[in-house]
Amino acid sequence: MERSNQTAIPGRPLIFGEVLFDCFPDGQEVMGGAPFNVAWHLQGFGVDPLFISRVGRDERGAHVQDAMRDWGMELAALQTDAVHPTGRVQLTFTDTVHSFDILADQAYDFIASAPAIAAARQVRPALLYHGSLITRGAAGRETLAALQTTIEVPLFVDINLRAPWWNADGVRALMRGARWVKLNEDELAALRGAACAEDDIGEARKLASEYGIERVILTRGEQGASYVGTDVVSGTPPPVPVLADTIGAGDAFSAVTILGLLHGWEPALTLERALAFAARICSQRGATAPDRALYRELRETWGV
């Protein structure tokens, strides 16, 4: 592995939030949800995350459990719900642009705090990752708060603004106390206003300063991404020869960013690898696939 001046973070990442099925117009269903996608990729890279979520006692929930077992993921923190169904999102497309219809009152909205904390206490946690969607309901907010209070580890917050499931005050509250915050240029503009069109790096710096964030991770789709902190590191992704869809590209980027934090990679190296992996994911349908050869190739190349 390459030498680095960055400090590695020992332990296992806690990944908290939704698992759901992306339902395509042609009837195909692919497991997804930003936290699940991140956990899936980290498992592929050999990190062994603890995924904290909840599924229904239904066919989709059983499929999630089987897929996690087959992929080698631990199920100790995956709760089951006898009342609410496993999450679903209906996708619609215009060319390669996708929109979401995220159903309400899904099993992941009701993750219980006691078993989540009990499972987290059984591991040595490195960091806690969560998105913003999981806080749309009272149970999600309460369990997240309990985890943050009980398991004191750095926070990685992934901002995913999905109408109508967010408000500015709630998102601002999530960013307080976070060490790393990831969001895209549209989400930054929604939170900071029109000035972002002129200077998104400047607005990201202000966001970091106002909330005490060590690094704002700003993504711009095919235009690339920047890590904004004391210094600014920017990069552009490699071309995607055959674009299938962009679903889950941001989650792939997040997973490799976390991988870099855990291994202590330099920011420029982490960014290069995160952009490259996100581009690879754009060549497949959906956010996850049990492609062991892909992860094995990258692990050998990266030395992890």
Protein backbone atom coordinates (compact mmCIF):
# COMPACT_ATOMS: atom_id res chain seq x y z
CA MET A 1 0.00 0.00 0.00
CA GLU A 2 1.16 3.55 -0.72
CA ARG A 3 2.53 5.61 2.13
CA SER A 4 0.30 8.39 3.44
CA ASN A 5 0.50 11.29 5.84
CA GLN A 6 -3.17 10.82 6.67
CA THR A 7 -4.21 8.95 9.81
CA ALA A 8 -6.10 5.71 9.26
CA ILE A 9 -9.25 5.13 11.32
CA PRO A 10 -9.32 1.69 12.95
CA GLY A 11 -12.51 -0.27 13.42
CA ARG A 12 -15.65 -1.09 11.45
CA PRO A 13 -17.93 1.55 9.92
CA LEU A 14 -21.50 1.72 11.18
CA ILE A 15 -23.88 2.30 8.28
CA PHE A 16 -27.32 3.45 9.43
CA GLY A 17 -30.40 3.90 7.28
CA GLU A 18 -32.63 2.64 4.55
CA VAL A 19 -32.59 -0.46 2.41
CA LEU A 20 -35.18 -0.47 -0.33
CA PHE A 21 -35.88 -1.69 -3.83
CA ASP A 22 -35.48 0.55 -6.85
CA CYS A 23 -38.42 -0.44 -9.04
CA PHE A 24 -37.83 0.24 -12.73
CA PRO A 25 -40.58 0.95 -15.28
CA ASP A 26 -39.97 -2.42 -16.99
CA GLY A 27 -40.70 -4.30 -13.75
CA GLN A 28 -37.11 -4.99 -12.74
CA GLU A 29 -36.27 -4.44 -9.07
CA VAL A 30 -32.77 -3.75 -7.74
CA MET A 31 -31.82 -3.46 -4.07
CA GLY A 32 -30.80 0.04 -3.16
CA GLY A 33 -30.99 2.89 -0.70
CA ALA A 34 -27.91 5.05 -0.17
CA PRO A 35 -26.83 3.45 3.15
CA PHE A 36 -27.35 -0.08 1.82
CA ASN A 37 -25.40 0.74 -1.34
CA VAL A 38 -22.53 2.17 0.70
CA ALA A 39 -22.49 -0.87 3.00
CA TRP A 40 -22.60 -3.23 0.02
CA HIS A 41 -19.60 -1.60 -1.63
CA LEU A 42 -17.62 -1.48 1.60
CA GLN A 43 -18.23 -5.19 2.09
CA GLY A 44 -17.01 -5.77 -1.44
CA PHE A 45 -13.84 -3.90 -0.54
CA GLY A 46 -13.31 -6.10 2.54
CA VAL A 47 -14.17 -3.52 5.22
CA ASP A 48 -16.94 -5.55 6.98
CA PRO A 49 -19.41 -2.75 7.80
CA LEU A 50 -22.22 -3.14 10.31
CA PHE A 51 -25.42 -2.25 8.47
CA ILE A 52 -28.19 -1.03 10.79
CA SER A 53 -31.62 -1.09 9.15
CA ARG A 54 -35.04 -2.75 9.09
CA VAL A 55 -36.96 -4.81 6.53
CA GLY A 56 -40.49 -6.20 6.41
CA ARG A 57 -41.38 -9.82 7.00
CA ASP A 58 -42.13 -10.19 3.33
CA GLU A 59 -40.60 -11.54 0.14
CA ARG A 60 -38.46 -8.47 -0.46
CA GLY A 61 -37.18 -8.54 3.11
CA ALA A 62 -36.20 -12.19 2.74
CA HIS A 63 -34.41 -11.31 -0.47
CA VAL A 64 -32.38 -8.60 1.31
CA GLN A 65 -31.40 -11.08 4.03
CA ASP A 66 -30.39 -13.74 1.49
CA ALA A 67 -28.38 -11.26 -0.56
CA MET A 68 -26.56 -9.97 2.51
CA ARG A 69 -25.68 -13.51 3.61
CA ASP A 70 -24.42 -14.40 0.15
CA TRP A 71 -22.31 -11.21 0.06
CA GLY A 72 -20.83 -11.98 3.48
CA MET A 73 -22.55 -9.12 5.32
CA GLU A 74 -23.44 -9.43 8.99
CA LEU A 75 -27.18 -9.47 9.74
CA ALA A 76 -26.98 -8.79 13.48
CA ALA A 77 -28.23 -5.21 13.09
CA LEU A 78 -30.88 -5.87 10.42
CA GLN A 79 -34.25 -5.74 12.16
CA THR A 80 -37.52 -7.24 10.85
CA ASP A 81 -40.93 -5.59 10.97
CA ALA A 82 -44.20 -7.52 11.06
CA VAL A 83 -46.31 -4.45 10.21
CA HIS A 84 -44.48 -2.30 7.67
CA PRO A 85 -43.21 -3.49 4.27
CA THR A 86 -39.67 -3.55 2.98
CA GLY A 87 -38.92 -0.21 1.35
CA ARG A 88 -39.70 0.56 -2.28
CA VAL A 89 -38.99 3.46 -4.63
CA GLN A 90 -40.66 3.78 -8.02
CA LEU A 91 -38.29 5.11 -10.69
CA THR A 92 -39.19 6.98 -13.85
CA PHE A 93 -36.77 7.89 -16.65
CA THR A 94 -36.29 10.50 -19.31
CA ASP A 95 -33.27 9.34 -21.31
CA THR A 96 -30.72 8.75 -18.49
CA VAL A 97 -32.31 11.17 -16.00
CA HIS A 98 -34.21 9.49 -13.20
CA SER A 99 -36.79 10.65 -10.68
CA PHE A 100 -38.00 9.00 -7.49
CA ASP A 101 -41.35 8.27 -5.86
CA ILE A 102 -40.32 7.27 -2.33
CA LEU A 103 -43.16 5.54 -0.51
CA ALA A 104 -44.03 6.51 3.06
CA ASP A 105 -44.16 4.31 6.19
CA GLN A 106 -41.66 1.70 5.07
CA ALA A 107 -39.93 -0.72 7.43
CA TYR A 108 -36.71 1.34 7.47
CA ASP A 109 -38.67 4.27 8.91
CA PHE A 110 -39.11 2.31 12.15
CA ILE A 111 -35.59 1.18 13.11
CA ALA A 112 -35.74 0.58 16.87
CA SER A 113 -33.04 2.14 19.02
CA ALA A 114 -32.43 -0.59 21.64
CA PRO A 115 -31.43 -3.40 19.24
CA ALA A 116 -29.50 -0.95 17.06
CA ILE A 117 -27.41 0.20 20.01
CA ALA A 118 -26.95 -3.36 21.27
CA ALA A 119 -25.58 -4.46 17.89
CA ALA A 120 -23.30 -1.41 17.58
CA ARG A 121 -21.83 -2.10 21.03
CA GLN A 122 -20.63 -5.51 19.87
CA VAL A 123 -18.13 -4.03 17.42
CA ARG A 124 -15.30 -1.52 17.47
CA PRO A 125 -16.84 1.32 15.45
CA ALA A 126 -14.70 3.55 13.24
CA LEU A 127 -17.33 6.06 12.12
CA LEU A 128 -21.08 6.41 11.70
CA TYR A 129 -22.47 7.03 8.23
CA HIS A 130 -26.07 8.05 7.61
CA GLY A 131 -28.09 9.92 5.02
CA SER A 132 -30.76 12.54 5.46
CA LEU A 133 -33.73 10.45 4.27
CA ILE A 134 -33.66 8.24 7.36
CA THR A 135 -34.60 11.24 9.51
CA ARG A 136 -37.93 11.86 7.76
CA GLY A 137 -39.77 10.01 10.55
CA ALA A 138 -39.71 10.30 14.34
CA ALA A 139 -38.37 6.78 14.90
CA GLY A 140 -35.44 7.32 12.54
CA ARG A 141 -34.53 10.62 14.19
CA GLU A 142 -34.78 9.15 17.69
CA THR A 143 -32.68 6.08 16.90
CA LEU A 144 -30.05 8.15 15.14
CA ALA A 145 -29.83 10.50 18.12
CA ALA A 146 -29.53 7.55 20.50
CA LEU A 147 -26.72 6.04 18.42
CA GLN A 148 -24.84 9.33 18.28
CA THR A 149 -25.14 9.77 22.04
CA THR A 150 -24.20 6.21 22.94
CA ILE A 151 -21.59 5.39 20.27
CA GLU A 152 -19.23 8.35 20.15
CA VAL A 153 -17.55 8.17 16.75
CA PRO A 154 -17.02 10.66 13.89
CA LEU A 155 -20.07 11.30 11.70
CA PHE A 156 -20.25 11.08 7.92
CA VAL A 157 -23.52 12.71 6.77
CA ASP A 158 -24.74 12.14 3.22
CA ILE A 159 -27.26 14.79 2.21
CA ASN A 160 -29.93 13.37 -0.11
CA LEU A 161 -32.68 15.95 -0.64
CA ARG A 162 -35.73 14.02 -1.82
CA ALA A 163 -38.97 15.99 -2.00
CA PRO A 164 -41.10 16.12 0.05
CA TRP A 165 -38.97 14.37 2.67
CA TRP A 166 -36.73 17.19 3.86
CA ASN A 167 -36.66 20.71 5.25
CA ALA A 168 -33.77 23.15 5.59
CA ASP A 169 -33.83 23.31 9.39
CA GLY A 170 -33.71 19.54 9.67
CA VAL A 171 -30.77 19.27 7.29
CA ARG A 172 -28.87 22.02 9.11
CA ALA A 173 -29.36 20.13 12.37
CA LEU A 174 -27.85 17.00 10.80
CA MET A 175 -24.72 18.87 9.73
CA ARG A 176 -23.94 20.16 13.22
CA GLY A 177 -21.33 17.90 14.73
CA ALA A 178 -20.56 16.07 11.47
CA ARG A 179 -16.91 15.65 10.53
CA TRP A 180 -17.67 14.94 6.87
CA VAL A 181 -20.68 16.10 4.86
CA LYS A 182 -21.35 14.98 1.29
CA LEU A 183 -23.79 16.71 -1.04
CA ASN A 184 -24.10 17.55 -4.72
CA GLU A 185 -24.11 20.96 -6.38
CA ASP A 186 -27.93 21.12 -6.55
CA GLU A 187 -28.24 20.26 -2.86
CA LEU A 188 -25.64 22.87 -1.96
CA ALA A 189 -27.58 25.45 -3.95
CA ALA A 190 -30.84 24.46 -2.26
CA LEU A 191 -29.24 25.04 1.15
CA ARG A 192 -27.06 28.06 0.32
CA GLY A 193 -28.96 29.93 -2.40
CA ALA A 194 -28.19 31.34 -5.83
CA ALA A 195 -24.62 32.36 -4.93
CA CYS A 196 -23.56 28.74 -5.48
CA ALA A 197 -23.91 29.15 -9.23
CA GLU A 198 -21.06 31.66 -9.13
CA ASP A 199 -18.82 30.07 -6.52
CA ASP A 200 -19.78 26.64 -5.24
CA ILE A 201 -16.33 26.07 -3.71
CA GLY A 202 -16.64 29.33 -1.79
CA GLU A 203 -20.09 28.36 -0.54
CA ALA A 204 -18.82 24.92 0.46
CA ARG A 205 -16.02 26.62 2.43
CA LYS A 206 -18.59 28.79 4.20
CA LEU A 207 -20.68 25.72 4.99
CA ALA A 208 -17.65 23.99 6.49
CA SER A 209 -16.79 27.05 8.57
CA GLU A 210 -20.31 27.64 9.86
CA TYR A 211 -20.89 24.04 10.95
CA GLY A 212 -17.36 23.03 11.96
CA ILE A 213 -17.15 20.43 9.20
CA GLU A 214 -13.67 19.06 8.53
CA ARG A 215 -14.40 18.26 4.89
CA VAL A 216 -17.34 19.12 2.64
CA ILE A 217 -17.52 16.57 -0.16
CA LEU A 218 -19.07 18.27 -3.18
CA THR A 219 -20.08 16.21 -6.21
CA ARG A 220 -20.99 17.55 -9.66
CA GLY A 221 -21.94 14.47 -11.68
CA GLU A 222 -19.95 14.12 -14.87
CA GLN A 223 -18.09 17.34 -14.01
CA GLY A 224 -16.36 15.60 -11.11
CA ALA A 225 -16.07 16.41 -7.42
CA SER A 226 -14.13 18.38 -4.80
CA TYR A 227 -13.05 17.77 -1.23
CA VAL A 228 -13.34 21.15 0.48
CA GLY A 229 -11.63 21.73 3.81
CA THR A 230 -8.41 23.42 4.82
CA ASP A 231 -7.32 22.75 1.23
CA VAL A 232 -9.40 22.08 -1.86
CA VAL A 233 -8.80 18.94 -3.92
CA SER A 234 -10.76 18.59 -7.17
CA GLY A 235 -10.94 15.97 -9.88
CA THR A 236 -12.91 14.77 -12.89
CA PRO A 237 -14.10 11.22 -13.55
CA PRO A 238 -12.88 8.99 -16.36
CA PRO A 239 -15.26 8.53 -19.29
CA VAL A 240 -17.98 5.88 -19.11
CA PRO A 241 -17.85 3.91 -22.38
CA VAL A 242 -21.41 2.56 -22.07
CA LEU A 243 -23.75 4.43 -19.73
CA ALA A 244 -26.46 2.22 -18.23
CA ASP A 245 -27.75 4.67 -15.62
CA THR A 246 -26.40 6.96 -12.90
CA ILE A 247 -28.34 5.38 -10.02
CA GLY A 248 -26.02 4.80 -7.09
CA ALA A 249 -23.01 6.60 -8.56
CA GLY A 250 -22.95 9.00 -5.61
CA ASP A 251 -23.15 6.10 -3.17
CA ALA A 252 -20.24 4.36 -4.89
CA PHE A 253 -18.31 7.62 -4.54
CA SER A 254 -19.20 7.81 -0.83
CA ALA A 255 -18.11 4.23 -0.22
CA VAL A 256 -14.63 4.78 -1.65
CA THR A 257 -14.33 8.10 0.17
CA ILE A 258 -15.02 6.21 3.41
CA LEU A 259 -12.58 3.49 2.35
CA GLY A 260 -9.92 6.19 1.95
CA LEU A 261 -10.66 7.58 5.40
CA LEU A 262 -10.40 4.14 6.98
CA HIS A 263 -7.08 3.38 5.27
CA GLY A 264 -5.60 6.86 5.64
CA TRP A 265 -5.22 7.60 1.94
CA GLU A 266 -4.24 11.08 0.85
CA PRO A 267 -7.31 13.12 -0.27
CA ALA A 268 -6.14 13.41 -3.90
CA LEU A 269 -5.68 9.65 -4.16
CA THR A 270 -9.02 8.96 -2.48
CA LEU A 271 -10.80 11.36 -4.82
CA GLU A 272 -9.24 9.80 -7.91
CA ARG A 273 -10.30 6.33 -6.82
CA ALA A 274 -13.79 7.42 -5.74
CA LEU A 275 -14.46 9.06 -9.11
CA ALA A 276 -13.16 6.02 -10.98
CA PHE A 277 -15.36 3.59 -9.03
CA ALA A 278 -18.46 5.80 -9.44
CA ALA A 279 -17.85 5.81 -13.19
CA ARG A 280 -17.62 2.00 -13.19
CA ILE A 281 -20.98 1.74 -11.41
CA CYS A 282 -22.61 3.91 -14.11
CA SER A 283 -21.96 1.12 -16.61
CA GLN A 284 -24.33 -1.30 -14.82
CA ARG A 285 -28.09 -1.31 -14.17
CA GLY A 286 -28.86 -0.19 -10.62
CA ALA A 287 -26.61 0.63 -7.71
CA THR A 288 -25.48 -2.82 -6.57
CA ALA A 289 -24.36 -6.04 -8.21
CA PRO A 290 -22.64 -9.14 -6.79
CA ASP A 291 -19.65 -8.67 -9.08
CA ARG A 292 -16.84 -10.08 -6.96
CA ALA A 293 -14.35 -9.76 -9.82
CA LEU A 294 -14.81 -5.96 -9.90
CA TYR A 295 -13.97 -5.56 -6.22
CA ARG A 296 -11.17 -8.13 -6.38
CA GLU A 297 -9.55 -6.25 -9.27
CA LEU A 298 -9.69 -2.91 -7.47
CA ARG A 299 -8.55 -4.35 -4.14
CA GLU A 300 -5.50 -5.82 -5.83
CA THR A 301 -4.78 -2.56 -7.66
CA TRP A 302 -5.27 -0.42 -4.55
CA GLY A 303 -3.60 -2.79 -2.12
CA VAL A 304 -6.55 -3.25 0.26
